[in-house]
Amino acid sequence: MLFVLVALAALGFAWYSAQTLPDWYQSDSPIEQQAAQKLLEQNQQPGASKILGDKFADVMTGQVTLSEAEFSALFQASLQSSRDGKRLLSVSDGINAQITDDAIELGVVFNLKKISNLDARAKAKVERALDALPLLNESRVFVAIKGVPIARNGELAIGDDYSIKIGSLALSDKFLSDVGVPVDLLTSKSLAISLMTVKSVAINDGQITLGVLPRF
């Protein structure tokens, strides 16, 4: 749960900026609010199959191109098949993947009240943060990692050149290290993409192209 570690470690230094939520997050939109929970309740294979339904031939021939919306949906569906991904979905009010230039930004709107339900340690950290920062926007904090996507061991990962954002504040590796975040682990993590083994990744014209092997 590195996203959680980043959020909790940096809150005390970014209390004002942490209240800034992304443009794609709409608190008054039931569809946006319930998206993560709906994905959590779906069975993984039908969910991913539906997203890739029109691209089955592309998957079988080894190269599939996805729009930003398709990639974001597949990213969220793939989280459902991962233990850490399920925990991430359970403590978030929104998850989104965006394509920018040659990079992707993976963003999460965390609900600190949900994080506090994970275990006693998380609850204690959240309570301290909320006591110190009572003006947080309904206990929600936006955390994002942005970097060049790569293939690692058949999964999707972020390369070594990346940045972290808490709310609207960009944070350096040095700052994160100073507040105790294990930044060396951020780029060692990867995510298995449902139904596919990822062999290569490329971004062009706002779309992402995956070189893949089908995996059923």
N, C-alpha and C. Protein backbone atom coordinates (compact mmCIF):
# COMPACT_ATOMS: atom_id res chain seq x y z
N MET A 1 0.83 -1.21 0.00
CA MET A 1 0.00 0.00 0.00
C MET A 1 0.87 1.26 0.00
N LEU A 2 1.74 1.39 -0.99
CA LEU A 2 2.66 2.51 -1.02
C LEU A 2 1.95 3.84 -1.19
N PHE A 3 0.84 3.86 -1.94
CA PHE A 3 0.07 5.09 -2.08
C PHE A 3 -0.37 5.58 -0.71
N VAL A 4 -0.80 4.67 0.15
CA VAL A 4 -1.24 5.04 1.50
C VAL A 4 -0.09 5.60 2.29
N LEU A 5 1.09 4.97 2.20
CA LEU A 5 2.26 5.46 2.91
C LEU A 5 2.62 6.87 2.47
N VAL A 6 2.56 7.10 1.16
CA VAL A 6 2.88 8.43 0.65
C VAL A 6 1.90 9.45 1.19
N ALA A 7 0.62 9.12 1.15
CA ALA A 7 -0.41 10.07 1.59
C ALA A 7 -0.23 10.43 3.06
N LEU A 8 -0.06 9.41 3.90
CA LEU A 8 0.02 9.67 5.33
C LEU A 8 1.31 10.36 5.71
N ALA A 9 2.42 10.01 5.06
CA ALA A 9 3.70 10.61 5.41
C ALA A 9 3.77 12.07 5.02
N ALA A 10 3.09 12.45 3.94
CA ALA A 10 3.23 13.80 3.42
C ALA A 10 2.15 14.77 3.89
N LEU A 11 1.10 14.27 4.52
CA LEU A 11 -0.03 15.13 4.88
C LEU A 11 0.39 16.32 5.74
N GLY A 12 1.25 16.07 6.71
CA GLY A 12 1.64 17.14 7.62
C GLY A 12 2.38 18.27 6.95
N PHE A 13 2.93 18.01 5.76
CA PHE A 13 3.71 19.02 5.06
C PHE A 13 2.93 19.66 3.91
N ALA A 14 1.75 19.17 3.64
CA ALA A 14 1.02 19.64 2.47
C ALA A 14 -0.46 19.78 2.77
N TRP A 15 -0.80 20.30 3.94
CA TRP A 15 -2.20 20.25 4.37
C TRP A 15 -3.10 21.08 3.47
N TYR A 16 -2.61 22.23 3.01
CA TYR A 16 -3.47 23.06 2.15
C TYR A 16 -3.58 22.44 0.75
N SER A 17 -2.45 22.10 0.17
CA SER A 17 -2.46 21.52 -1.16
C SER A 17 -3.21 20.20 -1.19
N ALA A 18 -3.15 19.45 -0.09
CA ALA A 18 -3.80 18.14 -0.05
C ALA A 18 -5.30 18.22 -0.23
N GLN A 19 -5.85 19.41 -0.02
CA GLN A 19 -7.30 19.56 -0.18
C GLN A 19 -7.70 19.67 -1.65
N THR A 20 -6.74 19.84 -2.54
CA THR A 20 -7.02 19.97 -3.96
C THR A 20 -7.30 18.61 -4.58
N LEU A 21 -8.49 18.46 -5.13
CA LEU A 21 -8.88 17.20 -5.76
C LEU A 21 -8.82 17.35 -7.27
N PRO A 22 -8.58 16.27 -8.01
CA PRO A 22 -8.41 16.37 -9.47
C PRO A 22 -9.69 16.74 -10.20
N ASP A 23 -9.53 17.24 -11.41
CA ASP A 23 -10.68 17.65 -12.21
C ASP A 23 -11.60 16.48 -12.53
N TRP A 24 -11.02 15.28 -12.69
CA TRP A 24 -11.86 14.14 -13.08
C TRP A 24 -12.73 13.63 -11.94
N TYR A 25 -12.43 14.05 -10.71
CA TYR A 25 -13.21 13.59 -9.56
C TYR A 25 -14.38 14.54 -9.32
N GLN A 26 -15.59 13.99 -9.37
CA GLN A 26 -16.80 14.77 -9.13
C GLN A 26 -17.53 14.19 -7.92
N SER A 27 -17.47 14.90 -6.81
CA SER A 27 -18.04 14.36 -5.57
C SER A 27 -19.55 14.22 -5.64
N ASP A 28 -20.21 14.99 -6.53
CA ASP A 28 -21.66 14.91 -6.61
C ASP A 28 -22.14 13.99 -7.72
N SER A 29 -21.22 13.22 -8.30
CA SER A 29 -21.58 12.30 -9.38
C SER A 29 -21.61 10.87 -8.88
N PRO A 30 -22.80 10.27 -8.76
CA PRO A 30 -22.89 8.89 -8.28
C PRO A 30 -22.07 7.92 -9.12
N ILE A 31 -21.99 8.15 -10.44
CA ILE A 31 -21.24 7.24 -11.30
C ILE A 31 -19.76 7.25 -10.91
N GLU A 32 -19.20 8.46 -10.74
CA GLU A 32 -17.80 8.56 -10.37
C GLU A 32 -17.56 8.00 -8.97
N GLN A 33 -18.45 8.33 -8.05
CA GLN A 33 -18.27 7.91 -6.68
C GLN A 33 -18.33 6.39 -6.55
N GLN A 34 -19.17 5.76 -7.33
CA GLN A 34 -19.39 4.33 -7.17
C GLN A 34 -18.55 3.49 -8.11
N ALA A 35 -17.73 4.12 -8.96
CA ALA A 35 -17.00 3.37 -9.97
C ALA A 35 -16.08 2.31 -9.35
N ALA A 36 -15.31 2.71 -8.34
CA ALA A 36 -14.39 1.76 -7.73
C ALA A 36 -15.14 0.61 -7.07
N GLN A 37 -16.22 0.92 -6.38
CA GLN A 37 -16.98 -0.13 -5.70
C GLN A 37 -17.62 -1.08 -6.70
N LYS A 38 -18.11 -0.56 -7.82
CA LYS A 38 -18.70 -1.43 -8.84
C LYS A 38 -17.66 -2.39 -9.39
N LEU A 39 -16.45 -1.87 -9.64
CA LEU A 39 -15.39 -2.73 -10.15
C LEU A 39 -15.00 -3.78 -9.11
N LEU A 40 -15.01 -3.38 -7.86
CA LEU A 40 -14.66 -4.31 -6.80
C LEU A 40 -15.66 -5.46 -6.73
N GLU A 41 -16.91 -5.18 -7.03
CA GLU A 41 -17.95 -6.20 -6.93
C GLU A 41 -18.02 -7.08 -8.17
N GLN A 42 -17.42 -6.63 -9.28
CA GLN A 42 -17.46 -7.40 -10.51
C GLN A 42 -16.50 -8.59 -10.44
N ASN A 43 -16.84 -9.64 -11.15
CA ASN A 43 -15.89 -10.73 -11.34
C ASN A 43 -14.84 -10.25 -12.33
N GLN A 44 -13.59 -10.54 -12.06
CA GLN A 44 -12.50 -9.99 -12.86
C GLN A 44 -12.63 -10.32 -14.33
N GLN A 45 -12.78 -11.59 -14.69
CA GLN A 45 -12.70 -11.97 -16.09
C GLN A 45 -13.81 -11.35 -16.94
N PRO A 46 -15.09 -11.43 -16.53
CA PRO A 46 -16.12 -10.75 -17.32
C PRO A 46 -15.89 -9.26 -17.43
N GLY A 47 -15.39 -8.62 -16.34
CA GLY A 47 -15.16 -7.19 -16.38
C GLY A 47 -14.12 -6.83 -17.42
N ALA A 48 -12.97 -7.51 -17.41
CA ALA A 48 -11.92 -7.25 -18.38
C ALA A 48 -12.35 -7.65 -19.78
N SER A 49 -13.05 -8.75 -19.89
CA SER A 49 -13.51 -9.22 -21.20
C SER A 49 -14.43 -8.20 -21.85
N LYS A 50 -15.27 -7.56 -21.05
CA LYS A 50 -16.19 -6.56 -21.60
C LYS A 50 -15.41 -5.37 -22.15
N ILE A 51 -14.40 -4.94 -21.41
CA ILE A 51 -13.60 -3.81 -21.85
C ILE A 51 -12.86 -4.13 -23.14
N LEU A 52 -12.36 -5.36 -23.27
CA LEU A 52 -11.57 -5.75 -24.42
C LEU A 52 -12.38 -6.45 -25.50
N GLY A 53 -13.69 -6.45 -25.37
CA GLY A 53 -14.55 -7.20 -26.28
C GLY A 53 -14.31 -6.92 -27.75
N ASP A 54 -14.16 -5.64 -28.09
CA ASP A 54 -13.97 -5.27 -29.49
C ASP A 54 -12.51 -5.36 -29.93
N LYS A 55 -11.63 -5.73 -29.01
CA LYS A 55 -10.21 -5.77 -29.31
C LYS A 55 -9.64 -7.18 -29.18
N PHE A 56 -10.52 -8.18 -29.20
CA PHE A 56 -10.08 -9.55 -29.01
C PHE A 56 -9.07 -9.96 -30.09
N ALA A 57 -9.36 -9.60 -31.34
CA ALA A 57 -8.45 -9.96 -32.43
C ALA A 57 -7.08 -9.30 -32.24
N ASP A 58 -7.07 -8.05 -31.75
CA ASP A 58 -5.81 -7.35 -31.52
C ASP A 58 -5.00 -8.05 -30.43
N VAL A 59 -5.68 -8.46 -29.36
CA VAL A 59 -4.99 -9.17 -28.28
C VAL A 59 -4.37 -10.45 -28.81
N MET A 60 -5.11 -11.18 -29.63
CA MET A 60 -4.63 -12.46 -30.15
C MET A 60 -3.45 -12.28 -31.12
N THR A 61 -3.40 -11.14 -31.80
CA THR A 61 -2.29 -10.90 -32.73
C THR A 61 -1.10 -10.20 -32.06
N GLY A 62 -1.25 -9.86 -30.79
CA GLY A 62 -0.10 -9.40 -30.03
C GLY A 62 0.08 -7.91 -29.86
N GLN A 63 -0.87 -7.10 -30.30
CA GLN A 63 -0.74 -5.66 -30.10
C GLN A 63 -2.11 -5.02 -29.96
N VAL A 64 -2.32 -4.34 -28.85
CA VAL A 64 -3.63 -3.72 -28.61
C VAL A 64 -3.43 -2.25 -28.25
N THR A 65 -4.19 -1.39 -28.91
CA THR A 65 -4.12 0.05 -28.67
C THR A 65 -5.38 0.50 -27.93
N LEU A 66 -5.18 1.26 -26.84
CA LEU A 66 -6.28 1.67 -25.98
C LEU A 66 -6.33 3.19 -25.88
N SER A 67 -7.54 3.73 -25.90
CA SER A 67 -7.71 5.14 -25.60
C SER A 67 -7.48 5.37 -24.12
N GLU A 68 -7.41 6.61 -23.71
CA GLU A 68 -7.23 6.91 -22.28
C GLU A 68 -8.35 6.31 -21.45
N ALA A 69 -9.59 6.45 -21.92
CA ALA A 69 -10.73 5.92 -21.17
C ALA A 69 -10.68 4.40 -21.08
N GLU A 70 -10.32 3.74 -22.18
CA GLU A 70 -10.23 2.28 -22.18
C GLU A 70 -9.10 1.80 -21.27
N PHE A 71 -7.97 2.51 -21.32
CA PHE A 71 -6.85 2.12 -20.48
C PHE A 71 -7.19 2.30 -19.00
N SER A 72 -7.85 3.41 -18.66
CA SER A 72 -8.22 3.65 -17.27
C SER A 72 -9.17 2.57 -16.77
N ALA A 73 -10.14 2.17 -17.60
CA ALA A 73 -11.09 1.13 -17.21
C ALA A 73 -10.38 -0.20 -17.03
N LEU A 74 -9.45 -0.54 -17.94
CA LEU A 74 -8.72 -1.80 -17.84
C LEU A 74 -7.80 -1.80 -16.63
N PHE A 75 -7.19 -0.65 -16.35
CA PHE A 75 -6.34 -0.52 -15.17
C PHE A 75 -7.13 -0.80 -13.89
N GLN A 76 -8.31 -0.22 -13.79
CA GLN A 76 -9.14 -0.43 -12.61
C GLN A 76 -9.62 -1.87 -12.51
N ALA A 77 -10.00 -2.46 -13.63
CA ALA A 77 -10.45 -3.85 -13.62
C ALA A 77 -9.31 -4.78 -13.20
N SER A 78 -8.09 -4.45 -13.62
CA SER A 78 -6.93 -5.28 -13.27
C SER A 78 -6.60 -5.18 -11.79
N LEU A 79 -6.85 -4.02 -11.18
CA LEU A 79 -6.63 -3.88 -9.74
C LEU A 79 -7.47 -4.88 -8.96
N GLN A 80 -8.63 -5.22 -9.49
CA GLN A 80 -9.54 -6.10 -8.77
C GLN A 80 -8.97 -7.50 -8.60
N SER A 81 -8.04 -7.88 -9.45
CA SER A 81 -7.47 -9.23 -9.38
C SER A 81 -6.26 -9.31 -8.46
N SER A 82 -5.83 -8.17 -7.94
CA SER A 82 -4.66 -8.11 -7.08
C SER A 82 -5.08 -7.88 -5.63
N ARG A 83 -4.41 -8.54 -4.70
CA ARG A 83 -4.74 -8.34 -3.28
C ARG A 83 -4.54 -6.89 -2.86
N ASP A 84 -3.38 -6.32 -3.24
CA ASP A 84 -3.14 -4.92 -2.92
C ASP A 84 -4.11 -4.02 -3.68
N GLY A 85 -4.44 -4.42 -4.92
CA GLY A 85 -5.39 -3.64 -5.70
C GLY A 85 -6.76 -3.59 -5.07
N LYS A 86 -7.21 -4.70 -4.53
CA LYS A 86 -8.51 -4.73 -3.86
C LYS A 86 -8.50 -3.83 -2.63
N ARG A 87 -7.40 -3.83 -1.90
CA ARG A 87 -7.31 -2.95 -0.73
C ARG A 87 -7.33 -1.49 -1.16
N LEU A 88 -6.63 -1.20 -2.26
CA LEU A 88 -6.62 0.15 -2.78
C LEU A 88 -8.02 0.60 -3.15
N LEU A 89 -8.76 -0.25 -3.85
CA LEU A 89 -10.13 0.08 -4.21
C LEU A 89 -11.00 0.28 -2.98
N SER A 90 -10.74 -0.49 -1.94
CA SER A 90 -11.60 -0.45 -0.75
C SER A 90 -11.43 0.83 0.05
N VAL A 91 -10.31 1.54 -0.14
CA VAL A 91 -10.08 2.77 0.64
C VAL A 91 -10.14 4.03 -0.22
N SER A 92 -10.57 3.88 -1.46
CA SER A 92 -10.60 5.03 -2.35
C SER A 92 -12.03 5.42 -2.71
N ASP A 93 -12.19 6.69 -3.08
CA ASP A 93 -13.46 7.19 -3.59
C ASP A 93 -13.38 7.41 -5.10
N GLY A 94 -12.24 7.17 -5.69
CA GLY A 94 -12.08 7.34 -7.13
C GLY A 94 -10.68 6.99 -7.56
N ILE A 95 -10.55 6.31 -8.71
CA ILE A 95 -9.26 5.94 -9.28
C ILE A 95 -9.30 6.25 -10.76
N ASN A 96 -8.20 6.79 -11.30
CA ASN A 96 -8.20 7.16 -12.70
C ASN A 96 -6.79 7.04 -13.26
N ALA A 97 -6.69 6.69 -14.53
CA ALA A 97 -5.41 6.68 -15.24
C ALA A 97 -5.50 7.65 -16.39
N GLN A 98 -4.53 8.55 -16.49
CA GLN A 98 -4.49 9.53 -17.56
C GLN A 98 -3.22 9.38 -18.38
N ILE A 99 -3.31 9.72 -19.67
CA ILE A 99 -2.16 9.67 -20.56
C ILE A 99 -1.75 11.10 -20.88
N THR A 100 -0.50 11.43 -20.59
CA THR A 100 0.00 12.78 -20.85
C THR A 100 1.36 12.69 -21.54
N ASP A 101 1.44 13.22 -22.74
CA ASP A 101 2.69 13.18 -23.52
C ASP A 101 3.17 11.73 -23.63
N ASP A 102 4.35 11.42 -23.08
CA ASP A 102 4.86 10.06 -23.15
C ASP A 102 4.75 9.34 -21.82
N ALA A 103 3.90 9.85 -20.93
CA ALA A 103 3.79 9.30 -19.58
C ALA A 103 2.34 8.98 -19.24
N ILE A 104 2.17 8.29 -18.13
CA ILE A 104 0.84 8.06 -17.58
C ILE A 104 0.82 8.58 -16.15
N GLU A 105 -0.35 9.04 -15.72
CA GLU A 105 -0.53 9.46 -14.34
C GLU A 105 -1.61 8.59 -13.72
N LEU A 106 -1.24 7.87 -12.68
CA LEU A 106 -2.17 7.00 -11.96
C LEU A 106 -2.57 7.71 -10.68
N GLY A 107 -3.83 8.11 -10.60
CA GLY A 107 -4.29 8.92 -9.47
C GLY A 107 -5.35 8.22 -8.64
N VAL A 108 -5.30 8.47 -7.34
CA VAL A 108 -6.26 7.90 -6.40
C VAL A 108 -6.77 8.99 -5.47
N VAL A 109 -8.09 9.07 -5.30
CA VAL A 109 -8.67 9.94 -4.28
C VAL A 109 -8.93 9.04 -3.06
N PHE A 110 -8.08 9.20 -2.05
CA PHE A 110 -8.21 8.39 -0.86
C PHE A 110 -9.25 8.96 0.08
N ASN A 111 -9.97 8.08 0.74
CA ASN A 111 -10.88 8.45 1.81
C ASN A 111 -10.20 8.02 3.11
N LEU A 112 -9.73 9.00 3.88
CA LEU A 112 -8.97 8.69 5.09
C LEU A 112 -9.79 7.91 6.11
N LYS A 113 -11.10 8.12 6.11
CA LYS A 113 -11.94 7.36 7.04
C LYS A 113 -11.94 5.88 6.69
N LYS A 114 -11.90 5.58 5.38
CA LYS A 114 -11.82 4.18 4.96
C LYS A 114 -10.46 3.58 5.29
N ILE A 115 -9.39 4.39 5.12
CA ILE A 115 -8.06 3.91 5.45
C ILE A 115 -7.97 3.54 6.92
N SER A 116 -8.63 4.34 7.77
CA SER A 116 -8.56 4.08 9.21
C SER A 116 -9.18 2.75 9.59
N ASN A 117 -10.00 2.19 8.70
CA ASN A 117 -10.62 0.90 8.99
C ASN A 117 -9.73 -0.29 8.63
N LEU A 118 -8.56 -0.03 8.02
CA LEU A 118 -7.69 -1.13 7.60
C LEU A 118 -7.16 -1.90 8.80
N ASP A 119 -6.58 -1.18 9.75
CA ASP A 119 -6.03 -1.82 10.95
C ASP A 119 -5.77 -0.73 11.98
N ALA A 120 -5.36 -1.15 13.17
CA ALA A 120 -5.15 -0.20 14.28
C ALA A 120 -4.05 0.81 13.96
N ARG A 121 -3.00 0.35 13.28
CA ARG A 121 -1.89 1.25 12.96
C ARG A 121 -2.34 2.34 12.01
N ALA A 122 -3.07 1.96 10.96
CA ALA A 122 -3.57 2.96 10.01
C ALA A 122 -4.54 3.92 10.69
N LYS A 123 -5.39 3.39 11.56
CA LYS A 123 -6.35 4.24 12.26
C LYS A 123 -5.65 5.29 13.10
N ALA A 124 -4.60 4.89 13.80
CA ALA A 124 -3.88 5.83 14.65
C ALA A 124 -3.24 6.94 13.82
N LYS A 125 -2.66 6.58 12.66
CA LYS A 125 -2.02 7.58 11.81
C LYS A 125 -3.04 8.56 11.24
N VAL A 126 -4.17 8.03 10.81
CA VAL A 126 -5.21 8.89 10.24
C VAL A 126 -5.77 9.82 11.30
N GLU A 127 -6.00 9.31 12.49
CA GLU A 127 -6.54 10.15 13.56
C GLU A 127 -5.58 11.30 13.89
N ARG A 128 -4.28 11.01 13.91
CA ARG A 128 -3.31 12.07 14.17
C ARG A 128 -3.33 13.11 13.05
N ALA A 129 -3.44 12.63 11.80
CA ALA A 129 -3.46 13.55 10.66
C ALA A 129 -4.70 14.44 10.71
N LEU A 130 -5.84 13.86 11.01
CA LEU A 130 -7.08 14.63 11.03
C LEU A 130 -7.13 15.59 12.21
N ASP A 131 -6.53 15.21 13.34
CA ASP A 131 -6.46 16.11 14.49
C ASP A 131 -5.60 17.33 14.15
N ALA A 132 -4.51 17.07 13.41
CA ALA A 132 -3.59 18.16 13.08
C ALA A 132 -4.11 19.01 11.92
N LEU A 133 -4.89 18.38 11.03
CA LEU A 133 -5.33 19.06 9.82
C LEU A 133 -6.85 18.95 9.68
N PRO A 134 -7.60 19.63 10.54
CA PRO A 134 -9.06 19.48 10.55
C PRO A 134 -9.76 20.03 9.31
N LEU A 135 -9.04 20.81 8.50
CA LEU A 135 -9.67 21.43 7.34
C LEU A 135 -9.58 20.58 6.07
N LEU A 136 -9.09 19.35 6.20
CA LEU A 136 -9.03 18.50 5.03
C LEU A 136 -10.42 18.34 4.41
N ASN A 137 -10.47 18.32 3.10
CA ASN A 137 -11.72 18.29 2.34
C ASN A 137 -12.44 16.97 2.55
N GLU A 138 -13.32 16.92 3.55
CA GLU A 138 -14.12 15.73 3.83
C GLU A 138 -13.26 14.48 3.96
N SER A 139 -12.05 14.65 4.48
CA SER A 139 -11.13 13.55 4.71
C SER A 139 -10.67 12.88 3.43
N ARG A 140 -10.72 13.58 2.32
CA ARG A 140 -10.28 13.01 1.04
C ARG A 140 -8.97 13.66 0.61
N VAL A 141 -8.05 12.82 0.11
CA VAL A 141 -6.74 13.29 -0.32
C VAL A 141 -6.41 12.65 -1.66
N PHE A 142 -5.93 13.48 -2.59
CA PHE A 142 -5.54 12.98 -3.91
C PHE A 142 -4.05 12.70 -3.94
N VAL A 143 -3.70 11.49 -4.38
CA VAL A 143 -2.30 11.09 -4.53
C VAL A 143 -2.12 10.53 -5.94
N ALA A 144 -1.05 10.94 -6.62
CA ALA A 144 -0.82 10.46 -7.97
C ALA A 144 0.66 10.18 -8.19
N ILE A 145 0.95 9.19 -9.01
CA ILE A 145 2.31 8.92 -9.46
C ILE A 145 2.31 9.04 -10.97
N LYS A 146 3.29 9.78 -11.50
CA LYS A 146 3.38 10.01 -12.94
C LYS A 146 4.75 9.58 -13.43
N GLY A 147 4.76 8.81 -14.52
CA GLY A 147 6.02 8.36 -15.07
C GLY A 147 5.82 7.64 -16.39
N VAL A 148 6.91 7.25 -16.99
CA VAL A 148 6.87 6.53 -18.26
C VAL A 148 6.53 5.07 -17.99
N PRO A 149 5.48 4.54 -18.62
CA PRO A 149 5.11 3.15 -18.38
C PRO A 149 6.08 2.19 -19.09
N ILE A 150 6.38 1.08 -18.44
CA ILE A 150 7.26 0.07 -19.01
C ILE A 150 6.67 -1.31 -18.73
N ALA A 151 7.17 -2.29 -19.44
CA ALA A 151 6.81 -3.68 -19.17
C ALA A 151 7.89 -4.29 -18.28
N ARG A 152 7.44 -4.97 -17.22
CA ARG A 152 8.40 -5.64 -16.32
C ARG A 152 7.84 -7.00 -15.95
N ASN A 153 8.55 -8.03 -16.33
CA ASN A 153 8.14 -9.41 -16.01
C ASN A 153 6.69 -9.69 -16.41
N GLY A 154 6.31 -9.18 -17.58
CA GLY A 154 4.97 -9.44 -18.10
C GLY A 154 3.88 -8.57 -17.51
N GLU A 155 4.27 -7.58 -16.71
CA GLU A 155 3.29 -6.71 -16.06
C GLU A 155 3.58 -5.24 -16.40
N LEU A 156 2.64 -4.37 -16.05
CA LEU A 156 2.79 -2.94 -16.29
C LEU A 156 3.44 -2.28 -15.08
N ALA A 157 4.45 -1.45 -15.33
CA ALA A 157 5.17 -0.79 -14.24
C ALA A 157 5.50 0.65 -14.66
N ILE A 158 6.03 1.41 -13.70
CA ILE A 158 6.49 2.78 -13.94
C ILE A 158 8.01 2.79 -13.92
N GLY A 159 8.63 3.47 -14.88
CA GLY A 159 10.09 3.54 -14.94
C GLY A 159 10.68 4.36 -13.81
N ASP A 160 12.02 4.45 -13.80
CA ASP A 160 12.72 5.11 -12.70
C ASP A 160 12.48 6.61 -12.65
N ASP A 161 12.16 7.23 -13.77
CA ASP A 161 11.95 8.68 -13.81
C ASP A 161 10.47 8.96 -13.57
N TYR A 162 10.13 9.31 -12.34
CA TYR A 162 8.74 9.51 -11.98
C TYR A 162 8.61 10.67 -11.01
N SER A 163 7.36 11.11 -10.80
CA SER A 163 7.09 12.15 -9.81
C SER A 163 5.84 11.77 -9.02
N ILE A 164 5.76 12.28 -7.81
CA ILE A 164 4.62 12.04 -6.92
C ILE A 164 3.93 13.37 -6.65
N LYS A 165 2.61 13.32 -6.59
CA LYS A 165 1.84 14.54 -6.31
C LYS A 165 0.85 14.25 -5.18
N ILE A 166 0.81 15.15 -4.20
CA ILE A 166 -0.19 15.11 -3.14
C ILE A 166 -1.06 16.35 -3.33
N GLY A 167 -2.34 16.16 -3.66
CA GLY A 167 -3.16 17.30 -4.01
C GLY A 167 -2.59 17.97 -5.25
N SER A 168 -2.26 19.25 -5.14
CA SER A 168 -1.66 19.96 -6.27
C SER A 168 -0.16 20.12 -6.11
N LEU A 169 0.41 19.56 -5.04
CA LEU A 169 1.82 19.76 -4.73
C LEU A 169 2.67 18.59 -5.23
N ALA A 170 3.63 18.88 -6.12
CA ALA A 170 4.57 17.86 -6.59
C ALA A 170 5.68 17.70 -5.57
N LEU A 171 6.05 16.46 -5.29
CA LEU A 171 7.04 16.16 -4.27
C LEU A 171 8.23 15.44 -4.88
N SER A 172 9.42 15.79 -4.44
CA SER A 172 10.64 15.17 -4.96
C SER A 172 10.93 13.87 -4.24
N ASP A 173 11.80 13.06 -4.85
CA ASP A 173 12.24 11.82 -4.21
C ASP A 173 12.90 12.11 -2.86
N LYS A 174 13.71 13.18 -2.81
CA LYS A 174 14.42 13.51 -1.57
C LYS A 174 13.44 13.84 -0.45
N PHE A 175 12.42 14.64 -0.78
CA PHE A 175 11.43 14.99 0.24
C PHE A 175 10.74 13.74 0.76
N LEU A 176 10.32 12.87 -0.15
CA LEU A 176 9.62 11.65 0.27
C LEU A 176 10.52 10.78 1.13
N SER A 177 11.79 10.68 0.75
CA SER A 177 12.73 9.89 1.56
C SER A 177 12.88 10.49 2.95
N ASP A 178 12.94 11.84 3.01
CA ASP A 178 13.13 12.51 4.30
C ASP A 178 11.96 12.28 5.26
N VAL A 179 10.75 12.07 4.71
CA VAL A 179 9.59 11.86 5.58
C VAL A 179 9.28 10.37 5.75
N GLY A 180 10.21 9.52 5.29
CA GLY A 180 10.08 8.10 5.59
C GLY A 180 9.37 7.25 4.57
N VAL A 181 9.12 7.79 3.37
CA VAL A 181 8.46 6.99 2.34
C VAL A 181 9.51 6.16 1.60
N PRO A 182 9.30 4.85 1.44
CA PRO A 182 10.27 3.99 0.76
C PRO A 182 10.22 4.17 -0.75
N VAL A 183 10.82 5.28 -1.23
CA VAL A 183 10.70 5.62 -2.64
C VAL A 183 11.35 4.58 -3.55
N ASP A 184 12.34 3.85 -3.03
CA ASP A 184 12.98 2.84 -3.86
C ASP A 184 12.04 1.71 -4.23
N LEU A 185 10.95 1.56 -3.45
CA LEU A 185 9.98 0.51 -3.74
C LEU A 185 8.94 0.94 -4.76
N LEU A 186 8.80 2.24 -4.97
CA LEU A 186 7.75 2.72 -5.86
C LEU A 186 7.90 2.17 -7.27
N THR A 187 9.13 2.17 -7.78
CA THR A 187 9.33 1.70 -9.14
C THR A 187 9.58 0.20 -9.22
N SER A 188 9.59 -0.48 -8.09
CA SER A 188 9.75 -1.94 -8.13
C SER A 188 8.40 -2.64 -8.20
N LYS A 189 7.32 -1.90 -8.01
CA LYS A 189 5.98 -2.47 -8.05
C LYS A 189 5.47 -2.53 -9.49
N SER A 190 4.66 -3.53 -9.77
CA SER A 190 4.04 -3.67 -11.09
C SER A 190 2.65 -4.24 -10.92
N LEU A 191 1.86 -4.17 -11.98
CA LEU A 191 0.48 -4.64 -11.94
C LEU A 191 0.23 -5.58 -13.11
N ALA A 192 -0.27 -6.75 -12.81
CA ALA A 192 -0.67 -7.68 -13.86
C ALA A 192 -1.93 -7.15 -14.54
N ILE A 193 -1.92 -7.09 -15.87
CA ILE A 193 -3.06 -6.62 -16.64
C ILE A 193 -3.93 -7.81 -17.01
N SER A 194 -5.21 -7.71 -16.70
CA SER A 194 -6.13 -8.83 -16.92
C SER A 194 -6.08 -9.33 -18.36
N LEU A 195 -6.01 -10.64 -18.50
CA LEU A 195 -6.10 -11.35 -19.78
C LEU A 195 -4.88 -11.20 -20.67
N MET A 196 -3.86 -10.44 -20.25
CA MET A 196 -2.71 -10.21 -21.11
C MET A 196 -1.40 -10.25 -20.34
N THR A 197 -0.36 -10.78 -20.97
CA THR A 197 1.01 -10.62 -20.51
C THR A 197 1.62 -9.47 -21.30
N VAL A 198 2.12 -8.47 -20.62
CA VAL A 198 2.60 -7.25 -21.28
C VAL A 198 4.08 -7.42 -21.64
N LYS A 199 4.38 -7.25 -22.93
CA LYS A 199 5.75 -7.39 -23.41
C LYS A 199 6.39 -6.04 -23.73
N SER A 200 5.60 -5.05 -24.09
CA SER A 200 6.12 -3.72 -24.40
C SER A 200 5.02 -2.69 -24.22
N VAL A 201 5.44 -1.43 -24.06
CA VAL A 201 4.49 -0.33 -23.87
C VAL A 201 4.96 0.88 -24.67
N ALA A 202 4.04 1.51 -25.38
CA ALA A 202 4.36 2.73 -26.11
C ALA A 202 3.17 3.67 -26.06
N ILE A 203 3.44 4.99 -26.04
CA ILE A 203 2.39 6.00 -26.03
C ILE A 203 2.52 6.86 -27.28
N ASN A 204 1.40 7.10 -27.94
CA ASN A 204 1.41 7.91 -29.14
C ASN A 204 0.03 8.54 -29.34
N ASP A 205 0.02 9.88 -29.54
CA ASP A 205 -1.23 10.60 -29.83
C ASP A 205 -2.32 10.34 -28.78
N GLY A 206 -1.95 10.35 -27.52
CA GLY A 206 -2.93 10.20 -26.46
C GLY A 206 -3.48 8.80 -26.28
N GLN A 207 -2.84 7.82 -26.92
CA GLN A 207 -3.25 6.43 -26.77
C GLN A 207 -2.06 5.60 -26.28
N ILE A 208 -2.35 4.46 -25.70
CA ILE A 208 -1.30 3.57 -25.22
C ILE A 208 -1.39 2.25 -25.98
N THR A 209 -0.27 1.79 -26.48
CA THR A 209 -0.21 0.54 -27.24
C THR A 209 0.59 -0.48 -26.45
N LEU A 210 0.00 -1.62 -26.20
CA LEU A 210 0.64 -2.70 -25.46
C LEU A 210 0.99 -3.84 -26.41
N GLY A 211 2.26 -4.25 -26.38
CA GLY A 211 2.64 -5.48 -27.03
C GLY A 211 2.35 -6.60 -26.06
N VAL A 212 1.52 -7.55 -26.43
CA VAL A 212 1.00 -8.50 -25.45
C VAL A 212 1.02 -9.95 -25.95
N LEU A 213 0.90 -10.84 -25.00
CA LEU A 213 0.57 -12.23 -25.26
C LEU A 213 -0.75 -12.50 -24.54
N PRO A 214 -1.71 -13.16 -25.19
CA PRO A 214 -2.98 -13.43 -24.51
C PRO A 214 -2.77 -14.34 -23.31
N ARG A 215 -3.53 -14.09 -22.26
CA ARG A 215 -3.44 -14.90 -21.03
C ARG A 215 -4.85 -15.14 -20.53
N PHE A 216 -5.28 -16.39 -20.59
CA PHE A 216 -6.65 -16.72 -20.19
C PHE A 216 -6.65 -17.67 -19.01
